[in-house]
Amino acid sequence: MPMSFIASEMSSGMIRGLGTVVVFVAFVGLALWVFNSKRNPEFAEARLLPFADEPKPDDATQEPETRSTRP
């Protein structure tokens, strides 16, 4: 079949439907990748990245000066 025949037969609804399928497959693939238990150590390290530039306290057992009074 020539490509011109295939292109002329595809309606805008078919193209939108195929686009929806592609996006859905990408979403499912991304969700499986994110919630894969093999990736847990990588994400555990990434969770701490916002705190990487904070200086570490001299004494790790010392409590911080400010604490929340909420239970």
Protein backbone atom coordinates (compact mmCIF):
# COMPACT_ATOMS: atom_id res chain seq x y z
CA MET A 1 0.00 0.00 0.00
CA PRO A 2 1.37 3.41 -0.88
CA MET A 3 1.70 5.97 1.92
CA SER A 4 -0.67 8.37 0.16
CA PHE A 5 -3.45 5.78 0.48
CA ILE A 6 -2.81 5.30 4.22
CA ALA A 7 -2.61 9.06 4.83
CA SER A 8 -5.82 9.73 2.93
CA GLU A 9 -7.68 7.06 4.91
CA MET A 10 -6.67 8.41 8.35
CA SER A 11 -9.19 10.84 9.70
CA SER A 12 -8.48 13.42 12.38
CA GLY A 13 -10.37 11.22 14.85
CA MET A 14 -8.05 8.31 14.09
CA ILE A 15 -4.97 10.48 14.55
CA ARG A 16 -6.30 11.79 17.88
CA GLY A 17 -7.10 8.25 18.97
CA LEU A 18 -3.59 7.06 18.16
CA GLY A 19 -2.18 10.07 20.02
CA THR A 20 -4.27 9.15 23.04
CA VAL A 21 -3.00 5.58 22.94
CA VAL A 22 0.62 6.77 22.73
CA VAL A 23 0.19 9.12 25.70
CA PHE A 24 -1.58 6.42 27.72
CA VAL A 25 1.18 3.89 27.06
CA ALA A 26 3.79 6.50 28.07
CA PHE A 27 1.87 7.25 31.27
CA VAL A 28 1.60 3.58 32.22
CA GLY A 29 5.29 3.05 31.46
CA LEU A 30 6.30 6.05 33.57
CA ALA A 31 4.08 4.94 36.44
CA LEU A 32 5.62 1.45 36.37
CA TRP A 33 9.11 2.95 36.29
CA VAL A 34 8.43 5.29 39.23
CA PHE A 35 6.78 2.69 41.45
CA ASN A 36 9.30 -0.07 40.67
CA SER A 37 10.85 -1.33 43.92
CA LYS A 38 14.28 -1.64 42.27
CA ARG A 39 14.43 2.16 42.00
CA ASN A 40 13.79 2.76 45.70
CA PRO A 41 17.46 3.36 46.66
CA GLU A 42 17.84 5.93 43.88
CA PHE A 43 14.71 7.78 44.93
CA ALA A 44 15.69 7.59 48.62
CA GLU A 45 18.89 9.44 47.73
CA ALA A 46 17.01 11.92 45.54
CA ARG A 47 14.57 12.68 48.38
CA LEU A 48 17.46 14.12 50.38
CA LEU A 49 18.80 16.38 47.62
CA PRO A 50 16.98 19.54 48.85
CA PHE A 51 18.90 19.22 52.12
CA ALA A 52 22.31 18.55 50.53
CA ASP A 53 23.54 22.15 50.81
CA GLU A 54 22.61 22.59 54.48
CA PRO A 55 25.51 22.43 56.92
CA LYS A 56 25.52 19.39 59.15
CA PRO A 57 25.30 20.04 62.89
CA ASP A 58 28.45 19.54 64.97
CA ASP A 59 26.70 17.22 67.37
CA ALA A 60 24.08 14.99 65.74
CA THR A 61 22.52 14.13 69.12
CA GLN A 62 21.84 17.78 69.96
CA GLU A 63 18.22 18.88 69.48
CA PRO A 64 17.54 21.89 67.24
CA GLU A 65 16.96 25.21 68.99
CA THR A 66 13.55 25.81 67.46
CA ARG A 67 10.88 23.17 67.69
CA SER A 68 7.25 23.19 66.78
CA THR A 69 4.82 23.31 69.68
CA ARG A 70 2.14 21.52 67.68
CA PRO A 71 1.45 17.92 68.70
